[in-house]
Amino acid sequence: MTPQTHLFCNGEIIYHPHFFTDSEASQLFSELEKDLPWQCDKIRIMGKEHFIPRLHAWLADPNIHYNYSGIDLKINPWTQQVLKLKTLAEDKSHWTFNSMLANYYRDGKDSNGWHADNEKELGRNPLIAMFSFGQIRRFSIRSNENHKNKLDFDLNNGSLIIMKGPLQHTSQHCLRKTKKKCDARISLTFRLTHPQ
C-alpha cells in the first residue's frame, strides 16, 4: 500500500498504515512484550516523584547513552527480533539507526505527554522511525507556533510512521490518555544517537 505523506511544520511525516499484516503485527507484539527488558522509572515534578505512565526499554549499540526528563536509561543489547525491525526501518527511511526506545502502554491510562525528540545527543534534524503494535492509539503532532495547527493519526497495529526534517524543532507530538476500553500497545522508536 502506498504510504501517506504529509508536509508539516517544514518537516515531513510518512505513514505506512499497514506495514505488517495484522497477524504478523500481533505475533511481533507478543514477542516484544515477552522479550524486551521493560523498566519503570520515576520522574520528579514540582519536588515530588511520580512513576512515568508507561514502561520503557532502551536498546542500543555499546556506549550509546540516552537521558530524558532526568532518567538515565540502562543500555540493553539488541535482540535478533529488534535488529530485523531496525533493518526494515533503515530500508524505508534511508537512514541509519544505532538505538531504539521502546514504550509499553499497558492501558488507556498510560500515555506520553506533549514533547519533541530534540535532545542534543540526537543531533540536528533527527529522523525518528516508529513501529506500532497492539491497540490502535491516537498519535497527535502540533505546531510549536500554533497549537491549533495539528495532525492526528490513529496508529494501526503493524504501522510505521517516519518523522523527518526539522520537525523535532518545529513541533511536538504526544500519545494521550483515553477513557475508552483499551488494550496494550508497544511502540519502537528508532533513532541515531550521538555519543556524548
N, C-alpha and C. Protein backbone atom coordinates (compact mmCIF):
# COMPACT_ATOMS: atom_id res chain seq x y z
N MET A 1 0.84 -1.19 0.00
CA MET A 1 0.00 0.00 0.00
C MET A 1 0.88 1.25 0.00
N THR A 2 0.49 2.24 -0.80
CA THR A 2 1.24 3.49 -0.88
C THR A 2 1.18 4.23 0.45
N PRO A 3 2.33 4.67 0.97
CA PRO A 3 2.31 5.40 2.24
C PRO A 3 1.68 6.78 2.08
N GLN A 4 1.21 7.31 3.20
CA GLN A 4 0.67 8.67 3.23
C GLN A 4 1.80 9.62 3.58
N THR A 5 1.95 10.69 2.81
CA THR A 5 2.99 11.67 3.06
C THR A 5 2.36 13.01 3.40
N HIS A 6 2.80 13.61 4.50
CA HIS A 6 2.28 14.89 4.96
C HIS A 6 3.44 15.85 5.17
N LEU A 7 3.37 17.00 4.54
CA LEU A 7 4.33 18.08 4.80
C LEU A 7 3.77 18.91 5.94
N PHE A 8 4.57 19.08 7.01
CA PHE A 8 4.04 19.72 8.21
C PHE A 8 5.17 20.41 8.95
N CYS A 9 4.98 21.68 9.29
CA CYS A 9 5.95 22.44 10.10
C CYS A 9 7.37 22.35 9.52
N ASN A 10 7.47 22.50 8.22
CA ASN A 10 8.75 22.47 7.50
C ASN A 10 9.41 21.09 7.50
N GLY A 11 8.70 20.10 8.01
CA GLY A 11 9.22 18.74 8.00
C GLY A 11 8.30 17.83 7.19
N GLU A 12 8.54 16.54 7.32
CA GLU A 12 7.78 15.56 6.54
C GLU A 12 7.42 14.38 7.43
N ILE A 13 6.17 13.92 7.30
CA ILE A 13 5.68 12.74 8.02
C ILE A 13 5.26 11.71 6.98
N ILE A 14 5.80 10.51 7.08
CA ILE A 14 5.45 9.43 6.16
C ILE A 14 4.82 8.32 6.99
N TYR A 15 3.58 7.97 6.66
CA TYR A 15 2.83 7.00 7.44
C TYR A 15 2.50 5.78 6.58
N HIS A 16 2.98 4.62 7.02
CA HIS A 16 2.65 3.33 6.40
C HIS A 16 1.61 2.66 7.32
N PRO A 17 0.32 2.77 7.03
CA PRO A 17 -0.68 2.28 7.97
C PRO A 17 -0.72 0.76 8.13
N HIS A 18 -0.24 0.02 7.10
CA HIS A 18 -0.28 -1.46 7.16
C HIS A 18 1.07 -2.01 6.72
N PHE A 19 2.10 -1.64 7.44
CA PHE A 19 3.45 -2.13 7.09
C PHE A 19 3.51 -3.64 7.27
N PHE A 20 2.90 -4.16 8.35
CA PHE A 20 2.76 -5.59 8.59
C PHE A 20 1.29 -5.98 8.52
N THR A 21 1.04 -7.24 8.20
CA THR A 21 -0.34 -7.72 8.30
C THR A 21 -0.72 -7.76 9.78
N ASP A 22 -2.02 -7.85 10.03
CA ASP A 22 -2.48 -7.85 11.42
C ASP A 22 -1.94 -9.07 12.18
N SER A 23 -1.89 -10.22 11.53
CA SER A 23 -1.39 -11.42 12.21
C SER A 23 0.11 -11.31 12.48
N GLU A 24 0.87 -10.77 11.53
CA GLU A 24 2.31 -10.56 11.74
C GLU A 24 2.54 -9.59 12.90
N ALA A 25 1.77 -8.51 12.91
CA ALA A 25 1.94 -7.49 13.94
C ALA A 25 1.58 -8.03 15.32
N SER A 26 0.52 -8.82 15.40
CA SER A 26 0.12 -9.37 16.68
C SER A 26 1.16 -10.36 17.22
N GLN A 27 1.77 -11.12 16.32
CA GLN A 27 2.84 -12.02 16.74
C GLN A 27 4.05 -11.23 17.25
N LEU A 28 4.40 -10.16 16.56
CA LEU A 28 5.51 -9.31 17.00
C LEU A 28 5.21 -8.68 18.35
N PHE A 29 3.98 -8.23 18.54
CA PHE A 29 3.60 -7.66 19.83
C PHE A 29 3.86 -8.66 20.95
N SER A 30 3.40 -9.89 20.77
CA SER A 30 3.56 -10.91 21.81
C SER A 30 5.03 -11.17 22.12
N GLU A 31 5.86 -11.22 21.08
CA GLU A 31 7.28 -11.47 21.28
C GLU A 31 7.96 -10.30 21.98
N LEU A 32 7.64 -9.09 21.56
CA LEU A 32 8.26 -7.91 22.17
C LEU A 32 7.82 -7.75 23.62
N GLU A 33 6.54 -7.99 23.89
CA GLU A 33 6.02 -7.88 25.25
C GLU A 33 6.78 -8.82 26.18
N LYS A 34 7.11 -10.00 25.68
CA LYS A 34 7.76 -11.03 26.50
C LYS A 34 9.28 -10.82 26.58
N ASP A 35 9.89 -10.38 25.49
CA ASP A 35 11.35 -10.43 25.38
C ASP A 35 12.07 -9.14 25.77
N LEU A 36 11.42 -7.98 25.66
CA LEU A 36 12.14 -6.73 25.92
C LEU A 36 12.32 -6.51 27.43
N PRO A 37 13.43 -5.90 27.83
CA PRO A 37 13.73 -5.68 29.26
C PRO A 37 13.03 -4.44 29.79
N TRP A 38 11.73 -4.52 29.97
CA TRP A 38 10.93 -3.37 30.38
C TRP A 38 11.33 -2.88 31.77
N GLN A 39 11.34 -1.57 31.94
CA GLN A 39 11.60 -0.98 33.24
C GLN A 39 10.62 0.16 33.49
N CYS A 40 10.42 0.45 34.77
CA CYS A 40 9.53 1.53 35.18
C CYS A 40 10.34 2.51 36.01
N ASP A 41 10.37 3.76 35.60
CA ASP A 41 11.18 4.78 36.27
C ASP A 41 10.31 5.90 36.82
N LYS A 42 10.90 6.67 37.69
CA LYS A 42 10.22 7.82 38.27
C LYS A 42 10.82 9.11 37.75
N ILE A 43 9.99 10.14 37.66
CA ILE A 43 10.45 11.49 37.36
C ILE A 43 10.01 12.41 38.49
N ARG A 44 10.74 13.49 38.67
CA ARG A 44 10.41 14.44 39.72
C ARG A 44 9.66 15.63 39.11
N ILE A 45 8.47 15.89 39.60
CA ILE A 45 7.65 17.02 39.14
C ILE A 45 7.30 17.86 40.35
N MET A 46 7.74 19.11 40.33
CA MET A 46 7.47 20.05 41.42
C MET A 46 7.86 19.45 42.77
N GLY A 47 9.02 18.83 42.81
CA GLY A 47 9.57 18.32 44.06
C GLY A 47 9.06 16.96 44.48
N LYS A 48 8.13 16.38 43.70
CA LYS A 48 7.59 15.07 44.05
C LYS A 48 7.93 14.06 42.97
N GLU A 49 8.20 12.81 43.41
CA GLU A 49 8.50 11.75 42.46
C GLU A 49 7.22 11.03 42.04
N HIS A 50 7.14 10.77 40.74
CA HIS A 50 5.98 10.05 40.19
C HIS A 50 6.50 9.01 39.20
N PHE A 51 5.85 7.84 39.15
CA PHE A 51 6.17 6.87 38.11
C PHE A 51 5.71 7.41 36.77
N ILE A 52 6.55 7.28 35.75
CA ILE A 52 6.11 7.69 34.43
C ILE A 52 4.98 6.75 33.99
N PRO A 53 3.99 7.26 33.24
CA PRO A 53 2.80 6.45 32.93
C PRO A 53 3.00 5.51 31.74
N ARG A 54 4.01 4.67 31.80
CA ARG A 54 4.29 3.65 30.79
C ARG A 54 5.56 2.92 31.22
N LEU A 55 5.84 1.79 30.61
CA LEU A 55 7.13 1.12 30.77
C LEU A 55 7.99 1.44 29.55
N HIS A 56 9.30 1.32 29.71
CA HIS A 56 10.16 1.58 28.56
C HIS A 56 11.40 0.69 28.60
N ALA A 57 12.08 0.64 27.46
CA ALA A 57 13.32 -0.13 27.33
C ALA A 57 14.20 0.55 26.29
N TRP A 58 15.50 0.59 26.55
CA TRP A 58 16.47 1.24 25.67
C TRP A 58 17.43 0.18 25.14
N LEU A 59 17.42 -0.04 23.84
CA LEU A 59 18.35 -0.95 23.18
C LEU A 59 19.24 -0.13 22.28
N ALA A 60 20.56 -0.39 22.35
CA ALA A 60 21.47 0.47 21.61
C ALA A 60 22.83 -0.20 21.42
N ASP A 61 23.59 0.37 20.51
CA ASP A 61 24.99 -0.03 20.37
C ASP A 61 25.72 0.29 21.68
N PRO A 62 26.87 -0.36 21.92
CA PRO A 62 27.62 -0.08 23.15
C PRO A 62 27.97 1.41 23.27
N ASN A 63 27.86 1.93 24.49
CA ASN A 63 28.23 3.32 24.82
C ASN A 63 27.31 4.37 24.21
N ILE A 64 26.14 3.96 23.74
CA ILE A 64 25.16 4.93 23.25
C ILE A 64 24.14 5.17 24.36
N HIS A 65 24.38 6.23 25.12
CA HIS A 65 23.55 6.55 26.27
C HIS A 65 22.43 7.50 25.86
N TYR A 66 21.35 7.48 26.64
CA TYR A 66 20.24 8.39 26.39
C TYR A 66 19.63 8.79 27.72
N ASN A 67 19.36 10.07 27.84
CA ASN A 67 18.81 10.61 29.08
C ASN A 67 17.68 11.56 28.71
N TYR A 68 16.52 11.39 29.34
CA TYR A 68 15.44 12.37 29.15
C TYR A 68 14.68 12.51 30.46
N SER A 69 14.23 13.73 30.71
CA SER A 69 13.47 14.05 31.93
C SER A 69 14.20 13.57 33.19
N GLY A 70 15.53 13.63 33.15
CA GLY A 70 16.31 13.23 34.31
C GLY A 70 16.48 11.72 34.47
N ILE A 71 15.97 10.94 33.51
CA ILE A 71 16.09 9.49 33.56
C ILE A 71 17.26 9.05 32.69
N ASP A 72 18.22 8.36 33.28
CA ASP A 72 19.35 7.82 32.53
C ASP A 72 19.03 6.36 32.23
N LEU A 73 18.69 6.08 30.98
CA LEU A 73 18.21 4.76 30.61
C LEU A 73 19.36 3.74 30.56
N LYS A 74 19.09 2.55 31.06
CA LYS A 74 20.06 1.47 31.03
C LYS A 74 20.20 0.94 29.61
N ILE A 75 21.45 0.78 29.14
CA ILE A 75 21.68 0.24 27.80
C ILE A 75 21.48 -1.27 27.83
N ASN A 76 20.64 -1.76 26.92
CA ASN A 76 20.44 -3.19 26.73
C ASN A 76 20.89 -3.58 25.33
N PRO A 77 21.44 -4.77 25.14
CA PRO A 77 21.91 -5.19 23.81
C PRO A 77 20.73 -5.46 22.88
N TRP A 78 21.00 -5.37 21.59
CA TRP A 78 19.99 -5.65 20.59
C TRP A 78 19.53 -7.11 20.67
N THR A 79 18.24 -7.33 20.48
CA THR A 79 17.73 -8.68 20.28
C THR A 79 17.67 -8.94 18.77
N GLN A 80 17.64 -10.18 18.38
CA GLN A 80 17.58 -10.51 16.96
C GLN A 80 16.31 -9.96 16.32
N GLN A 81 15.21 -10.04 17.05
CA GLN A 81 13.94 -9.54 16.52
C GLN A 81 14.00 -8.04 16.27
N VAL A 82 14.53 -7.29 17.22
CA VAL A 82 14.60 -5.82 17.08
C VAL A 82 15.61 -5.44 16.00
N LEU A 83 16.69 -6.21 15.86
CA LEU A 83 17.64 -5.93 14.77
C LEU A 83 16.99 -6.07 13.40
N LYS A 84 16.12 -7.06 13.25
CA LYS A 84 15.40 -7.22 11.98
C LYS A 84 14.50 -6.02 11.72
N LEU A 85 13.83 -5.56 12.77
CA LEU A 85 12.96 -4.39 12.63
C LEU A 85 13.77 -3.13 12.35
N LYS A 86 14.95 -3.03 12.95
CA LYS A 86 15.83 -1.89 12.69
C LYS A 86 16.22 -1.84 11.22
N THR A 87 16.55 -3.00 10.65
CA THR A 87 16.92 -3.06 9.24
C THR A 87 15.76 -2.63 8.35
N LEU A 88 14.54 -3.06 8.68
CA LEU A 88 13.37 -2.64 7.91
C LEU A 88 13.15 -1.13 8.01
N ALA A 89 13.31 -0.58 9.21
CA ALA A 89 13.15 0.87 9.40
C ALA A 89 14.22 1.63 8.61
N GLU A 90 15.45 1.12 8.60
CA GLU A 90 16.52 1.78 7.85
C GLU A 90 16.25 1.74 6.35
N ASP A 91 15.75 0.62 5.86
CA ASP A 91 15.45 0.49 4.43
C ASP A 91 14.36 1.48 4.01
N LYS A 92 13.33 1.63 4.84
CA LYS A 92 12.21 2.50 4.47
C LYS A 92 12.54 3.98 4.64
N SER A 93 13.39 4.30 5.61
CA SER A 93 13.68 5.71 5.90
C SER A 93 14.95 6.21 5.23
N HIS A 94 15.75 5.29 4.67
CA HIS A 94 17.05 5.64 4.08
C HIS A 94 17.93 6.35 5.11
N TRP A 95 17.95 5.79 6.30
CA TRP A 95 18.66 6.38 7.44
C TRP A 95 19.34 5.25 8.20
N THR A 96 20.31 5.59 9.03
CA THR A 96 20.99 4.60 9.86
C THR A 96 20.65 4.85 11.32
N PHE A 97 20.34 3.79 12.05
CA PHE A 97 19.99 3.89 13.46
C PHE A 97 20.97 3.09 14.32
N ASN A 98 21.25 3.62 15.51
CA ASN A 98 22.12 2.90 16.45
C ASN A 98 21.45 2.70 17.81
N SER A 99 20.16 3.01 17.89
CA SER A 99 19.47 2.95 19.19
C SER A 99 17.97 2.90 18.98
N MET A 100 17.27 2.43 20.00
CA MET A 100 15.82 2.30 19.93
C MET A 100 15.23 2.44 21.33
N LEU A 101 14.25 3.32 21.46
CA LEU A 101 13.49 3.46 22.70
C LEU A 101 12.12 2.83 22.49
N ALA A 102 11.83 1.80 23.29
CA ALA A 102 10.53 1.14 23.24
C ALA A 102 9.65 1.65 24.38
N ASN A 103 8.37 1.83 24.09
CA ASN A 103 7.40 2.22 25.10
C ASN A 103 6.28 1.19 25.13
N TYR A 104 5.88 0.82 26.34
CA TYR A 104 4.81 -0.16 26.54
C TYR A 104 3.68 0.53 27.29
N TYR A 105 2.57 0.77 26.58
CA TYR A 105 1.39 1.41 27.14
C TYR A 105 0.43 0.31 27.55
N ARG A 106 0.29 0.08 28.85
CA ARG A 106 -0.43 -1.08 29.35
C ARG A 106 -1.94 -0.96 29.18
N ASP A 107 -2.44 0.26 29.21
CA ASP A 107 -3.88 0.50 29.05
C ASP A 107 -4.06 1.97 28.69
N GLY A 108 -5.33 2.43 28.68
CA GLY A 108 -5.60 3.81 28.29
C GLY A 108 -5.09 4.86 29.26
N LYS A 109 -4.75 4.45 30.48
CA LYS A 109 -4.20 5.40 31.45
C LYS A 109 -2.74 5.72 31.16
N ASP A 110 -2.05 4.83 30.47
CA ASP A 110 -0.66 5.08 30.11
C ASP A 110 -0.61 6.04 28.92
N SER A 111 0.37 6.93 28.95
CA SER A 111 0.40 7.98 27.93
C SER A 111 1.81 8.54 27.81
N ASN A 112 1.94 9.50 26.89
CA ASN A 112 3.19 10.23 26.70
C ASN A 112 2.79 11.65 26.33
N GLY A 113 3.07 12.61 27.21
CA GLY A 113 2.61 13.98 27.01
C GLY A 113 3.30 14.69 25.85
N TRP A 114 2.88 15.92 25.59
CA TRP A 114 3.46 16.71 24.50
C TRP A 114 4.96 16.86 24.71
N HIS A 115 5.73 16.53 23.69
CA HIS A 115 7.19 16.63 23.77
C HIS A 115 7.76 16.58 22.35
N ALA A 116 9.05 16.82 22.26
CA ALA A 116 9.78 16.65 21.00
C ALA A 116 11.04 15.85 21.29
N ASP A 117 11.46 15.06 20.33
CA ASP A 117 12.71 14.32 20.46
C ASP A 117 13.85 15.22 19.95
N ASN A 118 14.18 16.21 20.77
CA ASN A 118 15.15 17.22 20.33
C ASN A 118 16.35 17.32 21.27
N GLU A 119 16.63 16.26 22.03
CA GLU A 119 17.79 16.27 22.92
C GLU A 119 19.07 16.42 22.09
N LYS A 120 20.07 17.04 22.67
CA LYS A 120 21.29 17.36 21.92
C LYS A 120 21.97 16.13 21.36
N GLU A 121 21.86 14.98 22.05
CA GLU A 121 22.52 13.78 21.56
C GLU A 121 21.86 13.20 20.31
N LEU A 122 20.67 13.70 19.96
CA LEU A 122 20.02 13.26 18.73
C LEU A 122 20.44 14.09 17.52
N GLY A 123 21.21 15.16 17.76
CA GLY A 123 21.75 15.96 16.67
C GLY A 123 20.72 16.88 16.03
N ARG A 124 21.13 17.47 14.92
CA ARG A 124 20.30 18.44 14.21
C ARG A 124 19.33 17.71 13.28
N ASN A 125 18.08 18.08 13.33
CA ASN A 125 17.04 17.49 12.48
C ASN A 125 17.03 15.96 12.54
N PRO A 126 16.83 15.40 13.74
CA PRO A 126 16.84 13.94 13.85
C PRO A 126 15.66 13.30 13.11
N LEU A 127 15.92 12.14 12.53
CA LEU A 127 14.87 11.35 11.91
C LEU A 127 14.45 10.27 12.90
N ILE A 128 13.15 10.14 13.11
CA ILE A 128 12.59 9.15 14.03
C ILE A 128 11.68 8.22 13.23
N ALA A 129 11.90 6.91 13.36
CA ALA A 129 11.04 5.91 12.72
C ALA A 129 10.38 5.09 13.81
N MET A 130 9.05 5.02 13.81
CA MET A 130 8.32 4.37 14.91
C MET A 130 7.36 3.31 14.38
N PHE A 131 7.58 2.07 14.86
CA PHE A 131 6.63 0.98 14.63
C PHE A 131 5.62 0.96 15.78
N SER A 132 4.37 0.61 15.47
CA SER A 132 3.33 0.45 16.49
C SER A 132 2.75 -0.95 16.41
N PHE A 133 2.57 -1.55 17.58
CA PHE A 133 1.99 -2.90 17.66
C PHE A 133 0.94 -2.92 18.76
N GLY A 134 -0.14 -3.65 18.53
CA GLY A 134 -1.18 -3.77 19.54
C GLY A 134 -2.32 -2.80 19.32
N GLN A 135 -2.84 -2.28 20.41
CA GLN A 135 -4.00 -1.41 20.42
C GLN A 135 -3.80 -0.16 19.54
N ILE A 136 -4.80 0.16 18.74
CA ILE A 136 -4.77 1.42 18.00
C ILE A 136 -4.89 2.58 18.99
N ARG A 137 -3.95 3.50 18.93
CA ARG A 137 -3.99 4.70 19.78
C ARG A 137 -3.80 5.93 18.92
N ARG A 138 -4.33 7.05 19.38
CA ARG A 138 -4.23 8.31 18.63
C ARG A 138 -2.91 9.00 18.95
N PHE A 139 -2.16 9.30 17.90
CA PHE A 139 -0.87 9.98 17.96
C PHE A 139 -1.08 11.35 17.33
N SER A 140 -0.75 12.41 18.05
CA SER A 140 -1.00 13.77 17.57
C SER A 140 0.30 14.55 17.45
N ILE A 141 0.35 15.41 16.46
CA ILE A 141 1.50 16.30 16.23
C ILE A 141 0.96 17.71 16.06
N ARG A 142 1.55 18.68 16.79
CA ARG A 142 1.07 20.05 16.69
C ARG A 142 2.26 21.01 16.49
N SER A 143 1.96 22.13 15.87
CA SER A 143 2.95 23.17 15.63
C SER A 143 3.34 23.87 16.93
N ASN A 144 4.61 24.18 17.07
CA ASN A 144 5.05 24.96 18.23
C ASN A 144 4.47 26.37 18.21
N GLU A 145 4.27 26.92 17.01
CA GLU A 145 3.81 28.30 16.89
C GLU A 145 2.31 28.44 17.04
N ASN A 146 1.57 27.42 16.63
CA ASN A 146 0.11 27.48 16.68
C ASN A 146 -0.41 26.09 17.04
N HIS A 147 -0.81 25.91 18.28
CA HIS A 147 -1.22 24.59 18.75
C HIS A 147 -2.51 24.09 18.08
N LYS A 148 -3.24 24.98 17.43
CA LYS A 148 -4.42 24.55 16.71
C LYS A 148 -4.05 23.90 15.37
N ASN A 149 -2.84 24.15 14.93
CA ASN A 149 -2.33 23.52 13.70
C ASN A 149 -1.83 22.13 14.08
N LYS A 150 -2.64 21.10 13.81
CA LYS A 150 -2.39 19.79 14.38
C LYS A 150 -2.78 18.69 13.40
N LEU A 151 -2.06 17.58 13.46
CA LEU A 151 -2.41 16.37 12.71
C LEU A 151 -2.63 15.24 13.70
N ASP A 152 -3.61 14.38 13.43
CA ASP A 152 -3.89 13.21 14.26
C ASP A 152 -3.76 11.95 13.41
N PHE A 153 -3.14 10.93 13.99
CA PHE A 153 -3.01 9.63 13.34
C PHE A 153 -3.48 8.56 14.32
N ASP A 154 -4.42 7.73 13.90
CA ASP A 154 -4.81 6.56 14.68
C ASP A 154 -3.90 5.42 14.23
N LEU A 155 -2.83 5.21 15.00
CA LEU A 155 -1.77 4.31 14.56
C LEU A 155 -2.21 2.85 14.64
N ASN A 156 -2.23 2.21 13.49
CA ASN A 156 -2.68 0.83 13.38
C ASN A 156 -1.68 -0.15 13.97
N ASN A 157 -2.19 -1.32 14.32
CA ASN A 157 -1.35 -2.45 14.67
C ASN A 157 -0.50 -2.82 13.45
N GLY A 158 0.83 -2.73 13.59
CA GLY A 158 1.72 -3.04 12.48
C GLY A 158 2.03 -1.88 11.57
N SER A 159 1.81 -0.65 12.04
CA SER A 159 2.08 0.53 11.21
C SER A 159 3.49 1.06 11.46
N LEU A 160 3.94 1.89 10.54
CA LEU A 160 5.23 2.58 10.65
C LEU A 160 5.02 4.05 10.33
N ILE A 161 5.51 4.94 11.20
CA ILE A 161 5.45 6.37 10.92
C ILE A 161 6.87 6.92 11.03
N ILE A 162 7.24 7.76 10.06
CA ILE A 162 8.58 8.35 9.99
C ILE A 162 8.44 9.86 10.07
N MET A 163 9.19 10.47 10.97
CA MET A 163 9.21 11.93 11.11
C MET A 163 10.60 12.41 10.74
N LYS A 164 10.68 13.36 9.80
CA LYS A 164 11.99 13.78 9.30
C LYS A 164 12.05 15.28 9.07
N GLY A 165 13.27 15.76 8.80
CA GLY A 165 13.48 17.19 8.63
C GLY A 165 13.53 17.88 9.99
N PRO A 166 13.23 19.18 10.05
CA PRO A 166 13.32 19.93 11.31
C PRO A 166 12.11 19.73 12.23
N LEU A 167 11.32 18.69 11.99
CA LEU A 167 10.05 18.51 12.70
C LEU A 167 10.21 18.50 14.22
N GLN A 168 11.31 17.92 14.72
CA GLN A 168 11.51 17.83 16.17
C GLN A 168 11.82 19.20 16.79
N HIS A 169 12.11 20.19 15.94
CA HIS A 169 12.39 21.54 16.43
C HIS A 169 11.22 22.50 16.16
N THR A 170 10.28 22.09 15.31
CA THR A 170 9.18 22.98 14.95
C THR A 170 7.83 22.48 15.44
N SER A 171 7.81 21.30 16.07
CA SER A 171 6.54 20.73 16.51
C SER A 171 6.74 19.85 17.74
N GLN A 172 5.64 19.43 18.32
CA GLN A 172 5.62 18.46 19.42
C GLN A 172 4.64 17.35 19.07
N HIS A 173 4.82 16.20 19.71
CA HIS A 173 3.89 15.10 19.50
C HIS A 173 3.54 14.45 20.83
N CYS A 174 2.46 13.68 20.84
CA CYS A 174 2.03 13.05 22.09
C CYS A 174 1.16 11.83 21.81
N LEU A 175 1.01 11.01 22.83
CA LEU A 175 0.04 9.91 22.83
C LEU A 175 -0.77 10.10 24.10
N ARG A 176 -2.00 10.58 23.94
CA ARG A 176 -2.79 11.00 25.09
C ARG A 176 -3.50 9.83 25.78
N LYS A 177 -3.91 10.07 27.02
CA LYS A 177 -4.72 9.11 27.75
C LYS A 177 -6.07 8.97 27.06
N THR A 178 -6.73 7.86 27.33
CA THR A 178 -8.09 7.67 26.84
C THR A 178 -8.91 6.95 27.89
N LYS A 179 -10.19 7.31 27.99
CA LYS A 179 -11.09 6.65 28.93
C LYS A 179 -11.78 5.44 28.30
N LYS A 180 -11.56 5.26 27.00
CA LYS A 180 -12.15 4.12 26.31
C LYS A 180 -11.45 2.83 26.74
N LYS A 181 -12.18 1.72 26.66
CA LYS A 181 -11.57 0.42 26.93
C LYS A 181 -10.39 0.23 25.99
N CYS A 182 -9.26 -0.10 26.53
CA CYS A 182 -8.03 -0.03 25.75
C CYS A 182 -7.08 -1.16 26.13
N ASP A 183 -6.67 -1.93 25.14
CA ASP A 183 -5.66 -2.95 25.36
C ASP A 183 -4.27 -2.34 25.27
N ALA A 184 -3.26 -3.17 25.42
CA ALA A 184 -1.88 -2.68 25.46
C ALA A 184 -1.35 -2.34 24.06
N ARG A 185 -0.40 -1.43 24.03
CA ARG A 185 0.27 -1.03 22.79
C ARG A 185 1.77 -0.95 23.06
N ILE A 186 2.57 -1.33 22.07
CA ILE A 186 4.02 -1.20 22.13
C ILE A 186 4.47 -0.36 20.95
N SER A 187 5.32 0.62 21.20
CA SER A 187 5.95 1.38 20.12
C SER A 187 7.46 1.20 20.20
N LEU A 188 8.08 1.10 19.04
CA LEU A 188 9.54 1.06 18.93
C LEU A 188 9.97 2.28 18.15
N THR A 189 10.74 3.17 18.77
CA THR A 189 11.18 4.40 18.10
C THR A 189 12.68 4.32 17.86
N PHE A 190 13.04 4.16 16.59
CA PHE A 190 14.43 4.05 16.20
C PHE A 190 14.99 5.44 15.94
N ARG A 191 16.25 5.64 16.40
CA ARG A 191 16.89 6.94 16.21
C ARG A 191 18.40 6.77 16.12
N LEU A 192 19.07 7.80 15.60
CA LEU A 192 20.53 7.86 15.58
C LEU A 192 20.95 8.77 16.72
N THR A 193 21.62 8.18 17.72
CA THR A 193 22.03 8.92 18.91
C THR A 193 23.54 9.08 18.89
N HIS A 194 23.99 10.32 19.10
CA HIS A 194 25.42 10.61 19.03
C HIS A 194 26.05 10.44 20.41
N PRO A 195 27.20 9.79 20.50
CA PRO A 195 27.86 9.62 21.80
C PRO A 195 28.18 10.97 22.42
N GLN A 196 28.04 11.06 23.75
CA GLN A 196 28.32 12.32 24.46
C GLN A 196 29.64 12.20 25.23
